[in-house]
Amino acid sequence: MFVAVRAEVYASGFVLLWGWLAVAVRPFDAELGGPLPPWLTPFGAAVRSPAIALLAAAGLGCAHAFVLLYEEPALARAFGAAPDSRPAIPRPPTPPGRRQPRWRDELDVEHVRVYEVIR
């Protein structure tokens, strides 16, 4: 129960923070050249605000930088190499009496090659 309440508080805080920031940057629309042209409306939401569009881009940039500069190195330290750089585990053979899909032939050959390199 506590987890659900905490999630609601965090979600409400997130929405309120970004709403407050959007209202705070709205006065800069005049300095940025007025409303966005109609073909750019999706980027500034329904209010056609260039300041809100820039705020959204800055927020996405900060989230991307956080993932690249902190989260991925921390996960690599905690769990080892990234999943795409780990060797593949060979698949078990198809049980007798069952039909093997065609795509499985190519995958099995590749997995065997990787398995032989690991040994």
Protein backbone atom coordinates (compact mmCIF):
# COMPACT_ATOMS: atom_id res chain seq x y z
CA MET A 1 0.00 0.00 0.00
CA PHE A 2 2.82 2.37 0.91
CA VAL A 3 4.49 1.77 -2.46
CA ALA A 4 1.33 2.78 -4.34
CA VAL A 5 0.93 5.97 -2.30
CA ARG A 6 4.58 6.84 -2.75
CA ALA A 7 4.27 6.29 -6.52
CA GLU A 8 1.25 8.61 -6.65
CA VAL A 9 3.14 11.30 -4.72
CA TYR A 10 6.18 11.04 -7.01
CA ALA A 11 4.04 11.08 -10.17
CA SER A 12 2.05 14.09 -8.94
CA GLY A 13 5.26 15.90 -8.03
CA PHE A 14 6.72 15.17 -11.47
CA VAL A 15 3.68 16.53 -13.28
CA LEU A 16 3.45 19.58 -11.02
CA LEU A 17 7.16 20.36 -11.43
CA TRP A 18 7.00 20.28 -15.24
CA GLY A 19 3.73 22.23 -15.23
CA TRP A 20 5.28 24.90 -13.03
CA LEU A 21 8.36 25.06 -15.28
CA ALA A 22 6.15 25.40 -18.36
CA VAL A 23 4.26 28.29 -16.80
CA ALA A 24 7.56 29.87 -15.69
CA VAL A 25 9.12 29.84 -19.18
CA ARG A 26 5.98 30.98 -21.02
CA PRO A 27 6.83 34.70 -20.67
CA PHE A 28 9.93 34.11 -22.86
CA ASP A 29 7.73 33.38 -25.89
CA ALA A 30 7.77 37.03 -26.97
CA GLU A 31 11.58 37.16 -26.83
CA LEU A 32 11.78 33.94 -28.89
CA GLY A 33 9.72 35.33 -31.75
CA GLY A 34 6.13 34.64 -30.76
CA PRO A 35 4.16 31.45 -31.22
CA LEU A 36 5.49 28.49 -33.16
CA PRO A 37 4.39 28.10 -36.77
CA PRO A 38 1.52 25.65 -37.24
CA TRP A 39 3.74 22.96 -38.79
CA LEU A 40 5.79 22.87 -35.54
CA THR A 41 2.75 22.77 -33.26
CA PRO A 42 3.32 19.19 -31.99
CA PHE A 43 6.69 20.25 -30.55
CA GLY A 44 5.25 23.11 -28.52
CA ALA A 45 2.08 21.23 -27.59
CA ALA A 46 -1.30 22.87 -28.06
CA VAL A 47 -0.13 26.27 -26.82
CA ARG A 48 2.42 26.68 -29.69
CA SER A 49 5.04 27.94 -27.25
CA PRO A 50 8.68 28.00 -28.34
CA ALA A 51 9.82 28.36 -24.73
CA ILE A 52 7.98 25.17 -23.74
CA ALA A 53 9.44 23.36 -26.76
CA LEU A 54 12.96 24.43 -25.71
CA LEU A 55 12.23 23.39 -22.13
CA ALA A 56 11.13 19.95 -23.33
CA ALA A 57 14.27 19.60 -25.46
CA ALA A 58 16.45 20.62 -22.51
CA GLY A 59 14.68 18.12 -20.26
CA LEU A 60 15.19 15.31 -22.77
CA GLY A 61 18.84 16.32 -23.17
CA CYS A 62 19.39 16.23 -19.41
CA ALA A 63 17.74 12.82 -19.12
CA HIS A 64 19.86 11.50 -21.98
CA ALA A 65 23.07 12.87 -20.42
CA PHE A 66 22.15 11.31 -17.07
CA VAL A 67 21.69 7.89 -18.66
CA LEU A 68 24.92 8.08 -20.67
CA LEU A 69 27.18 9.65 -18.06
CA TYR A 70 25.92 8.08 -14.83
CA GLU A 71 23.42 5.26 -15.17
CA GLU A 72 25.13 3.11 -17.81
CA PRO A 73 28.59 3.23 -16.14
CA ALA A 74 27.00 2.48 -12.75
CA LEU A 75 25.14 -0.52 -14.18
CA ALA A 76 28.31 -1.74 -15.91
CA ARG A 77 30.19 -1.55 -12.58
CA ALA A 78 27.40 -3.36 -10.76
CA PHE A 79 26.57 -6.08 -13.30
CA GLY A 80 29.56 -6.31 -15.61
CA ALA A 81 29.65 -5.66 -19.33
CA ALA A 82 26.67 -4.43 -21.31
CA PRO A 83 24.32 -7.12 -22.65
CA ASP A 84 25.33 -6.54 -26.26
CA SER A 85 29.00 -7.21 -25.49
CA ARG A 86 28.40 -10.47 -23.56
CA PRO A 87 28.81 -13.72 -25.47
CA ALA A 88 25.63 -15.50 -26.50
CA ILE A 89 24.63 -18.70 -24.72
CA PRO A 90 24.14 -21.65 -27.08
CA ARG A 91 20.55 -22.83 -27.45
CA PRO A 92 19.69 -26.37 -26.43
CA PRO A 93 19.00 -28.77 -29.29
CA THR A 94 15.44 -29.27 -30.47
CA PRO A 95 13.88 -32.31 -28.73
CA PRO A 96 13.46 -35.43 -30.90
CA GLY A 97 10.14 -35.65 -32.70
CA ARG A 98 9.63 -31.87 -32.90
CA ARG A 99 10.04 -29.86 -36.04
CA GLN A 100 12.78 -27.26 -35.92
CA PRO A 101 11.90 -23.86 -37.41
CA ARG A 102 13.99 -22.76 -40.41
CA TRP A 103 15.23 -19.60 -38.69
CA ARG A 104 16.62 -21.75 -35.89
CA ASP A 105 19.28 -23.28 -38.18
CA GLU A 106 20.99 -19.94 -38.72
CA LEU A 107 20.83 -19.02 -35.03
CA ASP A 108 22.23 -22.38 -33.91
CA VAL A 109 25.21 -22.07 -36.25
CA GLU A 110 25.98 -18.60 -34.92
CA HIS A 111 25.62 -19.71 -31.29
CA VAL A 112 27.91 -22.69 -31.85
CA ARG A 113 30.57 -20.40 -33.32
CA VAL A 114 30.37 -18.08 -30.32
CA TYR A 115 30.41 -21.04 -27.92
CA GLU A 116 33.53 -22.47 -29.57
CA VAL A 117 35.30 -19.11 -29.25
CA ILE A 118 34.45 -18.95 -25.54
CA ARG A 119 35.87 -22.42 -24.82
